[in-house]
N, C-alpha and C. Protein backbone atom coordinates (compact mmCIF):
# COMPACT_ATOMS: atom_id res chain seq x y z
N MET A 1 -9.19 125.08 38.90
CA MET A 1 -7.99 125.46 39.99
C MET A 1 -8.47 125.09 41.40
N GLU A 2 -7.70 124.51 41.96
CA GLU A 2 -7.93 124.01 43.36
C GLU A 2 -8.04 125.14 44.34
N PHE A 3 -8.78 124.81 45.50
CA PHE A 3 -8.79 125.78 46.59
C PHE A 3 -7.41 126.16 47.26
N THR A 4 -6.65 125.06 47.41
CA THR A 4 -5.30 125.46 47.85
C THR A 4 -4.29 126.36 46.90
N THR A 5 -4.65 126.19 45.84
CA THR A 5 -3.95 126.97 44.74
C THR A 5 -4.37 128.40 44.90
N VAL A 6 -5.64 128.63 45.17
CA VAL A 6 -6.33 129.86 45.23
C VAL A 6 -5.70 130.58 46.65
N LEU A 7 -5.55 129.79 47.67
CA LEU A 7 -5.02 130.29 48.85
C LEU A 7 -3.61 130.59 48.80
N PHE A 8 -2.92 129.75 47.91
CA PHE A 8 -1.57 130.19 47.80
C PHE A 8 -1.28 131.56 47.27
N TYR A 9 -2.03 131.73 46.15
CA TYR A 9 -1.73 133.04 45.52
C TYR A 9 -2.32 134.06 46.19
N ILE A 10 -3.22 133.87 47.02
CA ILE A 10 -3.66 135.09 47.98
C ILE A 10 -2.63 135.32 48.94
N PHE A 11 -2.02 134.35 49.63
CA PHE A 11 -1.06 134.57 50.61
C PHE A 11 0.28 135.08 49.97
N ALA A 12 0.71 134.68 48.87
CA ALA A 12 1.76 135.13 48.18
C ALA A 12 1.55 136.59 47.68
N LEU A 13 0.38 137.07 47.44
CA LEU A 13 0.12 138.45 47.21
C LEU A 13 0.31 139.25 48.28
N LEU A 14 -0.41 138.85 49.40
CA LEU A 14 -0.30 139.64 50.56
C LEU A 14 1.17 139.69 51.08
N LEU A 15 1.83 138.51 51.05
CA LEU A 15 3.41 138.54 51.39
C LEU A 15 4.04 139.60 50.51
N THR A 16 3.91 139.71 49.12
CA THR A 16 4.78 140.56 48.20
C THR A 16 4.22 142.07 48.82
N VAL A 17 3.02 142.44 48.81
CA VAL A 17 2.63 143.71 49.39
C VAL A 17 3.15 144.09 50.81
N SER A 18 3.05 143.25 51.65
CA SER A 18 3.58 143.62 53.02
C SER A 18 5.04 143.77 52.93
N ALA A 19 5.75 143.02 52.13
CA ALA A 19 7.34 143.05 51.88
C ALA A 19 7.56 144.56 51.36
N LEU A 20 6.78 144.87 50.38
CA LEU A 20 7.05 146.21 49.78
C LEU A 20 6.88 147.21 50.74
N LYS A 21 5.66 147.23 51.55
CA LYS A 21 5.49 148.19 52.72
C LYS A 21 6.50 148.35 53.75
N VAL A 22 7.27 147.09 53.84
CA VAL A 22 8.26 147.32 54.89
C VAL A 22 9.26 148.18 54.45
N ILE A 23 9.68 148.29 53.18
CA ILE A 23 10.63 149.23 52.81
C ILE A 23 10.22 150.51 52.29
N THR A 24 8.87 150.66 52.12
CA THR A 24 8.46 151.95 51.63
C THR A 24 7.76 152.77 52.73
N SER A 25 7.38 152.13 53.91
CA SER A 25 6.76 152.84 54.88
C SER A 25 7.57 153.88 55.54
N ARG A 26 7.16 154.90 55.83
CA ARG A 26 7.90 156.25 56.58
C ARG A 26 7.97 155.92 57.97
N ASN A 27 7.03 155.30 58.62
CA ASN A 27 7.30 155.04 60.00
C ASN A 27 7.85 153.59 60.32
N PRO A 28 8.97 153.66 60.99
CA PRO A 28 9.57 152.41 61.43
C PRO A 28 8.68 151.38 62.04
N VAL A 29 7.83 151.90 62.94
CA VAL A 29 6.79 151.04 63.68
C VAL A 29 6.02 150.37 62.69
N SER A 30 5.46 151.06 61.64
CA SER A 30 4.53 150.51 60.51
C SER A 30 5.38 149.47 59.87
N SER A 31 6.68 149.81 59.55
CA SER A 31 7.33 148.81 58.69
C SER A 31 7.61 147.49 59.66
N ALA A 32 7.84 147.52 60.81
CA ALA A 32 7.86 146.25 61.74
C ALA A 32 6.67 145.60 61.78
N LEU A 33 5.52 146.30 61.87
CA LEU A 33 4.29 145.65 61.81
C LEU A 33 3.93 144.97 60.34
N PHE A 34 4.40 145.46 59.44
CA PHE A 34 4.17 144.87 58.03
C PHE A 34 5.08 143.80 57.90
N LEU A 35 6.16 143.84 58.71
CA LEU A 35 7.20 142.64 58.47
C LEU A 35 6.55 141.49 59.24
N VAL A 36 5.85 141.64 60.39
CA VAL A 36 5.24 140.62 61.12
C VAL A 36 4.05 140.10 60.29
N LEU A 37 3.31 141.01 59.70
CA LEU A 37 2.34 140.42 58.56
C LEU A 37 2.96 139.58 57.38
N ALA A 38 4.06 139.84 56.98
CA ALA A 38 4.79 139.06 55.93
C ALA A 38 5.27 137.90 56.78
N PHE A 39 5.56 137.71 57.85
CA PHE A 39 5.97 136.52 58.34
C PHE A 39 4.94 135.57 58.52
N PHE A 40 3.76 136.25 58.94
CA PHE A 40 2.46 135.20 59.01
C PHE A 40 1.92 134.69 57.73
N ASN A 41 2.23 135.49 56.79
CA ASN A 41 1.91 134.99 55.23
C ASN A 41 2.86 133.86 54.81
N ALA A 42 4.12 134.22 55.07
CA ALA A 42 5.10 133.21 54.88
C ALA A 42 4.82 131.80 55.54
N ALA A 43 4.38 131.81 56.90
CA ALA A 43 4.08 130.66 57.56
C ALA A 43 2.80 129.91 57.09
N ALA A 44 1.88 130.79 56.56
CA ALA A 44 0.76 130.28 55.93
C ALA A 44 1.06 129.40 54.56
N ILE A 45 2.03 129.97 53.91
CA ILE A 45 2.57 129.21 52.65
C ILE A 45 3.21 128.00 53.21
N TRP A 46 3.86 127.94 54.23
CA TRP A 46 4.66 126.80 54.64
C TRP A 46 3.56 125.79 54.99
N MET A 47 2.49 126.21 55.61
CA MET A 47 1.52 125.23 56.16
C MET A 47 0.75 124.62 54.75
N LEU A 48 0.55 125.43 53.77
CA LEU A 48 0.15 124.96 52.58
C LEU A 48 0.91 123.84 51.88
N LEU A 49 2.26 123.92 52.17
CA LEU A 49 3.10 123.05 51.54
C LEU A 49 3.42 121.90 52.59
N GLN A 50 2.58 121.75 53.48
CA GLN A 50 2.57 120.69 54.38
C GLN A 50 4.02 120.55 55.20
N ALA A 51 4.42 121.78 55.40
CA ALA A 51 5.56 122.02 56.39
C ALA A 51 5.08 122.59 57.62
N GLU A 52 4.40 121.83 58.44
CA GLU A 52 3.72 122.56 59.62
C GLU A 52 5.06 122.98 60.51
N PHE A 53 6.02 122.24 60.65
CA PHE A 53 6.99 122.53 61.67
C PHE A 53 7.60 123.83 61.23
N LEU A 54 8.03 124.04 59.92
CA LEU A 54 8.76 125.40 59.68
C LEU A 54 7.83 126.51 59.77
N GLY A 55 6.55 126.23 59.56
CA GLY A 55 5.58 127.38 59.75
C GLY A 55 5.40 127.82 61.15
N ILE A 56 5.17 126.95 61.83
CA ILE A 56 5.08 127.19 63.44
C ILE A 56 6.38 127.75 64.13
N LEU A 57 7.50 127.27 63.48
CA LEU A 57 8.81 127.74 63.97
C LEU A 57 8.92 129.18 63.46
N LEU A 58 8.63 129.59 62.14
CA LEU A 58 8.63 130.93 61.91
C LEU A 58 7.85 131.94 62.67
N VAL A 59 6.64 131.50 63.18
CA VAL A 59 5.78 132.22 63.93
C VAL A 59 6.31 132.42 65.34
N LEU A 60 6.77 131.22 65.97
CA LEU A 60 7.26 131.35 67.39
C LEU A 60 8.48 132.17 67.54
N VAL A 61 9.43 131.81 66.56
CA VAL A 61 10.84 132.37 66.77
C VAL A 61 10.79 133.92 66.26
N TYR A 62 10.33 134.14 65.07
CA TYR A 62 10.48 135.45 64.42
C TYR A 62 9.42 136.45 64.95
N VAL A 63 8.24 135.94 64.77
CA VAL A 63 7.07 136.84 65.27
C VAL A 63 7.00 137.09 66.71
N GLY A 64 7.11 135.74 67.33
CA GLY A 64 6.99 135.76 68.80
C GLY A 64 8.15 136.32 69.64
N ALA A 65 9.43 136.26 69.13
CA ALA A 65 10.57 136.73 69.91
C ALA A 65 11.36 137.85 69.15
N VAL A 66 11.66 137.47 67.85
CA VAL A 66 12.65 138.66 67.44
C VAL A 66 11.78 139.78 67.02
N MET A 67 10.80 139.81 66.46
CA MET A 67 10.10 140.80 65.90
C MET A 67 9.35 141.67 66.93
N VAL A 68 8.92 141.08 68.07
CA VAL A 68 8.47 141.84 69.19
C VAL A 68 9.52 142.56 69.93
N LEU A 69 10.73 141.97 70.26
CA LEU A 69 11.76 142.73 70.71
C LEU A 69 12.17 143.91 69.86
N PHE A 70 12.33 143.65 68.61
CA PHE A 70 12.70 144.94 67.66
C PHE A 70 11.69 145.75 67.60
N LEU A 71 10.32 145.40 67.67
CA LEU A 71 9.28 146.36 67.73
C LEU A 71 9.31 147.36 69.09
N PHE A 72 9.70 146.68 70.19
CA PHE A 72 9.74 147.38 71.48
C PHE A 72 11.09 148.51 71.41
N VAL A 73 11.96 147.90 70.83
CA VAL A 73 13.25 149.00 70.73
C VAL A 73 12.97 149.98 69.62
N VAL A 74 12.16 149.80 68.59
CA VAL A 74 11.95 150.80 67.80
C VAL A 74 11.00 151.88 68.30
N MET A 75 10.04 151.34 69.12
CA MET A 75 9.19 152.33 69.78
C MET A 75 9.70 152.99 70.95
N MET A 76 10.83 152.41 71.61
CA MET A 76 11.42 153.33 72.65
C MET A 76 12.48 154.35 72.11
N LEU A 77 13.02 154.14 70.93
CA LEU A 77 13.97 155.02 70.39
C LEU A 77 13.49 156.11 69.88
N ASP A 78 14.11 157.38 69.88
CA ASP A 78 13.64 158.48 69.28
C ASP A 78 14.38 158.75 67.82
N ILE A 79 13.82 158.11 66.91
CA ILE A 79 14.36 158.09 65.56
C ILE A 79 14.04 159.29 64.72
N ASN A 80 14.80 159.82 64.15
CA ASN A 80 14.47 161.00 63.22
C ASN A 80 14.31 160.53 61.94
N ILE A 81 12.96 160.60 61.54
CA ILE A 81 12.48 159.82 60.12
C ILE A 81 13.27 160.59 58.94
N ASP A 82 13.25 161.90 59.18
CA ASP A 82 13.64 162.67 57.91
C ASP A 82 15.04 162.43 57.68
N VAL A 83 16.04 162.19 58.63
CA VAL A 83 17.34 161.80 58.36
C VAL A 83 17.39 160.62 57.64
N LEU A 84 16.57 159.64 58.10
CA LEU A 84 16.74 158.27 57.43
C LEU A 84 16.10 158.34 56.03
N ARG A 85 15.17 159.04 55.76
CA ARG A 85 14.49 159.10 54.45
C ARG A 85 15.29 160.26 53.56
N ARG A 86 16.17 160.85 53.94
CA ARG A 86 16.89 161.89 53.22
C ARG A 86 17.47 161.46 51.89
N ASP A 87 18.20 160.39 51.89
CA ASP A 87 18.84 159.98 50.69
C ASP A 87 18.20 158.86 50.20
N PHE A 88 16.87 158.48 50.38
CA PHE A 88 16.37 157.34 49.95
C PHE A 88 16.11 157.35 48.42
N LYS A 89 15.71 158.49 47.79
CA LYS A 89 15.65 158.57 46.32
C LYS A 89 16.91 158.34 45.61
N ARG A 90 17.98 158.63 46.15
CA ARG A 90 19.31 158.62 45.56
C ARG A 90 19.87 157.23 45.45
N PHE A 91 19.29 156.35 46.27
CA PHE A 91 19.71 154.93 46.18
C PHE A 91 18.66 154.05 45.56
N VAL A 92 17.52 154.70 44.92
CA VAL A 92 16.50 153.84 44.36
C VAL A 92 17.02 153.03 43.06
N PRO A 93 17.93 153.78 42.28
CA PRO A 93 18.19 153.16 41.04
C PRO A 93 19.18 151.89 41.40
N LEU A 94 20.13 152.16 42.16
CA LEU A 94 20.96 151.01 42.59
C LEU A 94 20.33 149.86 43.11
N ALA A 95 19.34 150.22 44.28
CA ALA A 95 18.57 149.22 44.78
C ALA A 95 17.56 148.37 43.63
N SER A 96 17.08 149.26 42.76
CA SER A 96 16.27 148.58 41.81
C SER A 96 17.08 147.46 40.87
N ILE A 97 18.45 147.74 40.61
CA ILE A 97 19.37 146.96 39.84
C ILE A 97 19.55 145.63 40.72
N VAL A 98 19.97 145.88 41.93
CA VAL A 98 20.24 144.74 42.77
C VAL A 98 19.12 143.83 42.95
N GLY A 99 17.86 144.41 43.18
CA GLY A 99 16.70 143.65 43.34
C GLY A 99 16.30 142.86 42.11
N ALA A 100 16.49 143.43 40.95
CA ALA A 100 16.23 142.87 39.73
C ALA A 100 17.19 141.57 39.42
N ILE A 101 18.45 141.85 39.90
CA ILE A 101 19.43 140.72 39.80
C ILE A 101 18.94 139.51 40.76
N ILE A 102 18.53 139.85 42.02
CA ILE A 102 18.07 138.83 42.79
C ILE A 102 16.83 138.13 42.28
N VAL A 103 15.91 138.80 41.58
CA VAL A 103 14.70 138.32 41.14
C VAL A 103 15.02 137.29 39.97
N ILE A 104 16.11 137.55 39.22
CA ILE A 104 16.45 136.86 38.10
C ILE A 104 16.93 135.57 38.50
N GLU A 105 17.92 135.69 39.50
CA GLU A 105 18.65 134.53 40.11
C GLU A 105 17.67 133.49 40.70
N THR A 106 16.76 134.13 41.53
CA THR A 106 15.59 133.24 42.21
C THR A 106 14.85 132.61 40.88
N ALA A 107 14.51 133.21 39.79
CA ALA A 107 13.70 132.56 38.70
C ALA A 107 14.66 131.54 38.17
N LEU A 108 15.97 131.83 38.01
CA LEU A 108 16.74 130.61 37.41
C LEU A 108 16.71 129.46 38.20
N ILE A 109 16.92 129.78 39.68
CA ILE A 109 16.95 128.55 40.55
C ILE A 109 15.68 127.74 40.57
N LEU A 110 14.61 128.56 40.60
CA LEU A 110 13.25 127.76 40.47
C LEU A 110 13.02 126.93 39.26
N TRP A 111 13.48 127.74 38.10
CA TRP A 111 13.44 127.01 36.82
C TRP A 111 14.39 125.67 36.80
N HIS A 112 15.50 125.84 37.22
CA HIS A 112 16.35 124.70 37.39
C HIS A 112 15.92 123.58 38.34
N GLY A 113 15.25 123.95 39.41
CA GLY A 113 14.84 122.96 40.32
C GLY A 113 13.46 122.33 39.97
N TYR A 114 12.62 123.07 39.20
CA TYR A 114 11.27 122.57 39.10
C TYR A 114 10.95 122.47 37.50
N GLY A 115 11.34 123.50 36.66
CA GLY A 115 10.79 123.46 35.29
C GLY A 115 11.91 122.56 34.53
N ALA A 116 13.09 122.48 34.86
CA ALA A 116 13.96 121.62 33.88
C ALA A 116 14.11 120.47 34.60
N THR A 117 13.34 119.78 35.39
CA THR A 117 13.55 118.61 36.17
C THR A 117 13.05 117.59 35.22
N THR A 118 13.88 116.56 34.76
CA THR A 118 13.48 115.48 33.82
C THR A 118 13.41 114.18 34.54
N THR A 119 14.19 114.06 35.68
CA THR A 119 14.05 112.77 36.60
C THR A 119 13.39 113.00 37.70
N PRO A 120 12.70 112.18 38.41
CA PRO A 120 11.95 112.23 39.75
C PRO A 120 12.99 112.67 40.75
N LEU A 121 12.60 113.36 41.57
CA LEU A 121 13.40 113.67 42.73
C LEU A 121 13.48 112.48 43.71
N ARG A 122 14.51 112.42 44.61
CA ARG A 122 14.65 111.27 45.47
C ARG A 122 13.65 111.56 46.63
N ASP A 123 13.00 110.35 46.78
CA ASP A 123 11.96 110.44 47.98
C ASP A 123 12.77 110.15 49.34
N ALA A 124 12.59 111.19 50.20
CA ALA A 124 13.26 111.03 51.45
C ALA A 124 12.54 109.91 52.37
N SER A 125 11.37 109.85 52.12
CA SER A 125 10.47 108.77 52.86
C SER A 125 10.95 107.30 52.45
N ALA A 126 11.30 107.05 51.12
CA ALA A 126 11.73 105.84 50.62
C ALA A 126 12.99 105.26 51.28
N GLY A 127 13.97 106.38 51.39
CA GLY A 127 15.23 106.08 52.02
C GLY A 127 15.11 105.89 53.56
N ALA A 128 13.93 106.36 54.12
CA ALA A 128 13.84 106.22 55.62
C ALA A 128 13.24 104.77 55.84
N GLY A 129 12.82 103.88 54.79
CA GLY A 129 12.49 102.62 55.06
C GLY A 129 10.85 102.54 55.29
N VAL A 130 10.14 103.66 54.89
CA VAL A 130 8.72 103.70 55.23
C VAL A 130 8.04 103.57 53.95
N SER A 131 6.75 103.22 53.82
CA SER A 131 5.74 103.22 52.71
C SER A 131 5.32 104.63 52.62
N GLY A 132 4.72 104.79 51.28
CA GLY A 132 3.86 106.10 51.01
C GLY A 132 2.84 106.41 52.11
N ALA A 133 2.04 105.27 52.61
CA ALA A 133 1.02 105.55 53.48
C ALA A 133 1.51 106.03 54.89
N ALA A 134 2.56 105.55 55.21
CA ALA A 134 3.00 105.97 56.63
C ALA A 134 4.28 106.78 56.50
N LEU A 135 4.16 108.07 56.24
CA LEU A 135 5.16 109.03 55.96
C LEU A 135 5.61 109.46 57.35
N MET A 136 6.84 109.88 57.42
CA MET A 136 7.43 110.41 58.61
C MET A 136 6.81 111.72 58.95
N PRO A 137 6.85 112.11 60.21
CA PRO A 137 6.37 113.59 60.47
C PRO A 137 7.55 114.73 59.94
N ASN A 138 7.16 115.87 59.87
CA ASN A 138 7.80 116.74 59.44
C ASN A 138 9.31 117.21 60.10
N THR A 139 8.90 117.18 61.54
CA THR A 139 10.16 117.39 62.38
C THR A 139 11.16 116.13 62.34
N GLN A 140 10.58 114.94 62.08
CA GLN A 140 11.74 113.88 62.23
C GLN A 140 12.25 113.73 60.80
N LEU A 141 11.68 114.28 59.72
CA LEU A 141 12.01 114.16 58.55
C LEU A 141 13.14 115.35 58.27
N ILE A 142 12.84 116.42 58.91
CA ILE A 142 13.63 117.49 58.75
C ILE A 142 15.23 117.24 59.51
N GLY A 143 14.83 116.61 60.71
CA GLY A 143 16.09 116.32 61.49
C GLY A 143 16.89 115.21 60.91
N LYS A 144 16.17 114.27 60.29
CA LYS A 144 17.00 113.27 59.60
C LYS A 144 17.67 113.79 58.29
N VAL A 145 17.19 114.50 57.62
CA VAL A 145 17.90 115.24 56.35
C VAL A 145 19.05 116.06 56.83
N ILE A 146 18.79 116.96 57.91
CA ILE A 146 19.73 117.88 58.28
C ILE A 146 20.99 117.11 59.01
N TYR A 147 20.89 116.02 59.67
CA TYR A 147 21.92 115.39 60.38
C TYR A 147 22.48 114.11 59.53
N THR A 148 22.01 114.00 58.23
CA THR A 148 22.72 112.99 57.47
C THR A 148 23.17 113.71 56.22
N ASP A 149 22.33 114.14 55.40
CA ASP A 149 22.76 114.66 54.10
C ASP A 149 23.48 116.11 54.23
N TYR A 150 23.10 116.85 55.23
CA TYR A 150 23.46 118.33 55.27
C TYR A 150 24.21 118.50 56.75
N ILE A 151 24.86 117.54 57.24
CA ILE A 151 25.56 117.66 58.58
C ILE A 151 26.67 118.52 58.55
N PHE A 152 27.41 118.55 57.54
CA PHE A 152 28.62 119.36 57.35
C PHE A 152 28.23 120.90 57.18
N ALA A 153 27.30 121.08 56.42
CA ALA A 153 26.77 122.50 56.24
C ALA A 153 26.12 123.01 57.60
N PHE A 154 25.41 122.15 58.48
CA PHE A 154 24.80 122.45 59.64
C PHE A 154 25.86 122.83 60.68
N GLU A 155 26.96 121.98 60.61
CA GLU A 155 28.08 122.36 61.56
C GLU A 155 28.66 123.71 61.19
N ILE A 156 28.89 123.89 59.97
CA ILE A 156 29.43 125.07 59.55
C ILE A 156 28.79 126.46 59.93
N ALA A 157 27.31 126.26 59.94
CA ALA A 157 26.37 127.23 60.29
C ALA A 157 26.49 127.65 61.80
N GLY A 158 26.55 126.58 62.50
CA GLY A 158 26.88 126.72 63.96
C GLY A 158 28.10 127.22 64.38
N LEU A 159 29.24 126.95 63.61
CA LEU A 159 30.50 127.40 63.86
C LEU A 159 30.51 129.06 63.43
N VAL A 160 29.78 129.35 62.46
CA VAL A 160 29.72 130.66 61.98
C VAL A 160 28.86 131.48 63.04
N LEU A 161 27.79 131.06 63.58
CA LEU A 161 27.15 131.68 64.58
C LEU A 161 27.93 131.83 65.91
N LEU A 162 28.78 130.88 66.14
CA LEU A 162 29.52 130.90 67.43
C LEU A 162 30.60 131.96 67.27
N VAL A 163 31.16 132.11 66.14
CA VAL A 163 32.23 133.23 65.96
C VAL A 163 31.54 134.47 65.86
N ALA A 164 30.26 134.71 65.33
CA ALA A 164 29.65 135.77 65.43
C ALA A 164 29.20 136.30 66.88
N ILE A 165 28.80 135.50 67.67
CA ILE A 165 28.61 135.77 69.04
C ILE A 165 29.96 136.32 69.77
N ILE A 166 31.01 135.44 69.59
CA ILE A 166 32.26 135.94 70.17
C ILE A 166 32.62 137.13 69.63
N ALA A 167 32.47 137.61 68.51
CA ALA A 167 32.81 138.79 67.75
C ALA A 167 31.94 139.93 68.41
N ALA A 168 30.70 139.62 68.60
CA ALA A 168 29.96 140.71 69.08
C ALA A 168 30.10 140.96 70.59
N ILE A 169 30.49 140.00 71.29
CA ILE A 169 30.86 140.19 72.84
C ILE A 169 32.13 141.02 72.89
N SER A 170 33.26 140.71 72.01
CA SER A 170 34.36 141.28 72.10
C SER A 170 34.38 142.71 71.47
N LEU A 171 33.52 143.01 70.56
CA LEU A 171 33.36 144.56 70.17
C LEU A 171 32.68 145.29 71.23
N THR A 172 31.82 144.74 71.80
CA THR A 172 31.01 145.57 73.02
C THR A 172 31.78 145.77 74.15
N ILE A 173 32.96 145.09 74.44
CA ILE A 173 33.69 145.20 75.75
C ILE A 173 34.51 146.55 75.65
N ARG A 174 34.40 147.42 76.50
CA ARG A 174 35.25 148.61 76.50
C ARG A 174 35.92 148.56 77.85
N ASP A 175 37.18 149.03 77.76
CA ASP A 175 37.96 149.13 78.95
C ASP A 175 37.82 150.45 79.59
N LYS A 176 37.27 150.43 80.91
CA LYS A 176 37.20 151.85 81.50
C LYS A 176 38.13 152.00 82.75
N LYS A 177 38.52 153.24 83.12
CA LYS A 177 39.13 153.22 84.18
C LYS A 177 38.73 152.83 85.58
N ASP A 178 37.35 152.82 85.77
CA ASP A 178 36.81 152.47 86.97
C ASP A 178 36.27 151.02 86.90
N LYS A 179 36.69 150.25 85.97
CA LYS A 179 36.30 148.91 85.68
C LYS A 179 37.16 148.03 86.54
N LYS A 180 36.72 146.95 87.20
CA LYS A 180 37.49 146.12 88.04
C LYS A 180 37.39 144.68 87.33
N THR A 181 38.68 144.23 86.84
CA THR A 181 38.58 142.99 86.21
C THR A 181 39.30 141.93 87.21
N GLN A 182 39.09 140.69 86.83
CA GLN A 182 39.47 139.55 87.66
C GLN A 182 40.70 138.86 86.80
N THR A 183 42.02 138.86 87.52
CA THR A 183 43.04 138.12 86.98
C THR A 183 43.19 136.77 87.68
N VAL A 184 43.19 135.84 87.07
CA VAL A 184 42.92 134.53 87.64
C VAL A 184 44.37 134.24 87.97
N SER A 185 45.52 134.36 87.27
CA SER A 185 46.87 134.05 87.43
C SER A 185 47.33 134.60 88.79
N GLN A 186 46.99 135.90 88.77
CA GLN A 186 47.50 136.50 90.13
C GLN A 186 46.67 136.00 91.41
N GLN A 187 45.54 135.46 91.23
CA GLN A 187 44.78 134.95 92.25
C GLN A 187 45.37 133.52 92.76
N VAL A 188 45.77 132.96 91.66
CA VAL A 188 46.47 131.65 92.07
C VAL A 188 47.77 131.67 92.67
N LYS A 189 48.55 132.70 92.30
CA LYS A 189 49.92 132.76 92.75
C LYS A 189 49.92 133.63 94.12
N VAL A 190 48.83 134.04 94.62
CA VAL A 190 48.85 134.89 96.00
C VAL A 190 49.25 134.07 97.12
N ARG A 191 49.96 134.62 98.13
CA ARG A 191 50.39 133.98 99.29
C ARG A 191 49.58 134.33 100.61
N ARG A 192 49.90 133.63 101.50
CA ARG A 192 49.15 133.98 102.77
C ARG A 192 49.40 135.41 103.40
N GLU A 193 50.65 135.80 103.20
CA GLU A 193 50.98 137.10 103.73
C GLU A 193 50.24 138.25 102.87
N ASP A 194 50.03 138.00 101.74
CA ASP A 194 49.27 138.95 100.85
C ASP A 194 47.80 138.99 100.97
N ARG A 195 47.34 138.04 101.51
CA ARG A 195 45.92 137.90 101.93
C ARG A 195 45.54 138.48 103.23
N VAL A 196 46.44 138.30 104.10
CA VAL A 196 45.96 138.69 105.59
C VAL A 196 47.29 139.45 106.13
N ARG A 197 46.89 140.67 106.57
CA ARG A 197 47.87 141.58 107.22
C ARG A 197 47.72 141.71 108.66
N LEU A 198 48.74 141.35 109.57
CA LEU A 198 48.78 141.47 110.90
C LEU A 198 49.09 142.75 111.42
N VAL A 199 48.30 143.62 112.23
CA VAL A 199 48.72 144.68 112.68
C VAL A 199 48.63 144.94 114.10
N LYS A 200 49.92 145.32 114.75
CA LYS A 200 50.00 145.36 116.11
C LYS A 200 49.53 146.77 116.75
N MET A 201 48.84 146.59 117.68
CA MET A 201 48.29 148.02 118.30
C MET A 201 48.25 147.78 119.85
N GLN A 202 48.36 148.90 120.47
CA GLN A 202 48.26 148.86 122.02
C GLN A 202 46.69 148.40 122.38
N ALA A 203 46.81 147.77 123.62
CA ALA A 203 45.54 147.32 124.20
C ALA A 203 44.71 148.59 124.71
N GLU A 204 43.60 148.38 124.46
CA GLU A 204 42.60 149.61 124.87
C GLU A 204 42.42 149.55 126.48
N ARG A 205 42.44 150.82 127.13
CA ARG A 205 42.18 150.75 128.60
C ARG A 205 40.88 151.37 128.85
N GLN A 206 40.25 150.88 129.89
CA GLN A 206 39.06 151.21 130.32
C GLN A 206 39.04 152.65 130.82
N ALA A 207 38.07 153.53 130.45
CA ALA A 207 38.12 154.88 131.06
C ALA A 207 37.55 155.03 132.35
N PRO A 208 38.20 155.71 133.24
CA PRO A 208 37.69 155.80 134.63
C PRO A 208 36.29 156.35 134.86
N ASP A 209 35.56 155.66 135.94
CA ASP A 209 34.19 156.24 135.94
C ASP A 209 34.12 157.41 136.70
N ALA A 210 33.39 158.41 136.12
CA ALA A 210 33.21 159.83 136.65
C ALA A 210 32.52 159.85 137.97
N SER A 211 31.92 158.71 138.31
CA SER A 211 31.15 158.74 139.63
C SER A 211 31.99 158.52 140.72
N THR A 212 33.03 157.70 140.41
CA THR A 212 34.03 157.30 141.53
C THR A 212 35.28 158.23 141.74
N GLU A 213 35.52 159.07 140.76
CA GLU A 213 36.62 159.84 140.77
C GLU A 213 36.25 161.19 141.48
N PRO A 214 37.21 161.85 142.24
CA PRO A 214 36.83 163.16 142.81
C PRO A 214 36.85 164.23 141.78
N ALA A 215 35.95 165.06 142.03
CA ALA A 215 35.85 166.28 141.01
C ALA A 215 36.90 167.15 141.23
N VAL A 216 37.41 167.74 140.14
CA VAL A 216 38.47 168.60 140.00
C VAL A 216 37.91 170.21 140.15
N THR A 217 38.48 170.84 141.08
CA THR A 217 38.01 172.24 141.29
C THR A 217 39.22 173.33 141.23
N GLY A 218 39.03 174.51 141.20
CA GLY A 218 39.94 175.60 141.19
C GLY A 218 40.76 175.44 139.79
N ASN A 219 41.92 175.77 139.89
CA ASN A 219 42.92 175.85 138.79
C ASN A 219 43.81 174.86 138.70
N ILE A 220 43.58 173.88 139.26
CA ILE A 220 44.50 172.67 139.41
C ILE A 220 44.57 172.05 137.95
N GLY A 221 45.81 171.91 137.48
CA GLY A 221 46.10 171.18 136.34
C GLY A 221 46.06 172.30 135.16
N ALA A 222 45.59 173.69 135.45
CA ALA A 222 45.58 174.59 134.37
C ALA A 222 46.76 175.18 134.04
N GLY A 223 47.12 175.44 132.75
CA GLY A 223 48.40 175.93 132.33
C GLY A 223 48.63 177.44 132.58
N THR A 224 49.84 178.06 132.49
CA THR A 224 50.04 179.20 132.77
C THR A 224 50.56 179.99 131.62
N VAL A 225 50.19 181.21 131.21
CA VAL A 225 50.58 181.99 130.10
C VAL A 225 51.87 182.97 130.40
N ASP A 226 52.97 182.82 129.53
CA ASP A 226 54.21 183.59 129.80
C ASP A 226 53.98 184.75 128.88
N ASN A 227 53.82 186.02 129.37
CA ASN A 227 53.66 187.09 128.59
C ASN A 227 55.06 187.88 128.52
N LYS A 228 56.28 187.29 128.67
CA LYS A 228 57.44 187.88 128.52
C LYS A 228 57.83 188.01 126.97
N GLY A 229 58.45 189.19 126.71
CA GLY A 229 58.83 189.35 125.34
C GLY A 229 57.72 189.85 124.51
């Protein structure tokens, strides 16, 4: 047995154990950390399959961005573990049946793709016009395959993601009473009289200086009180 085969079985075993710990761990932070370990093992398997671009992309995107953000969110939230695990045993039989179906489907796909192959698979490097000694890099080869053979599926995936983003934004928008919105049509139709209002008011007069005016003494200017009636 070759050394790469031994490494493949080791990483596959670690990947399976970490994936099981993700769904069986009682602490959500531990589940997130085990998921990070599973991603690292999957990236190592990609590296063994000489798909360096996919392995690095898995580590940078999922481990470096998505899982770190998810881990911070889980650590900041006050999650009641007992409520989450209350109905876990009740759904174990149904989850086991679904998991068994997925395993059988995966085994059939692998058998159809590898075990039952009678004709050699098409070499992507031969269609690119290069010899076996000068193969294309992984990134260039993946880009060539995506934008030639799978361009329709790639565009459909991009359209689905765009619709999902628009739907998420639309669902999170809430109309509030104190919310100020912008109406472009009303802004275009506005007139000059609506923008500026001219107000006429009397001119202000300067108050007399107390130093130049004579002082008022006695009861000059004082009012009188009528006590009749």
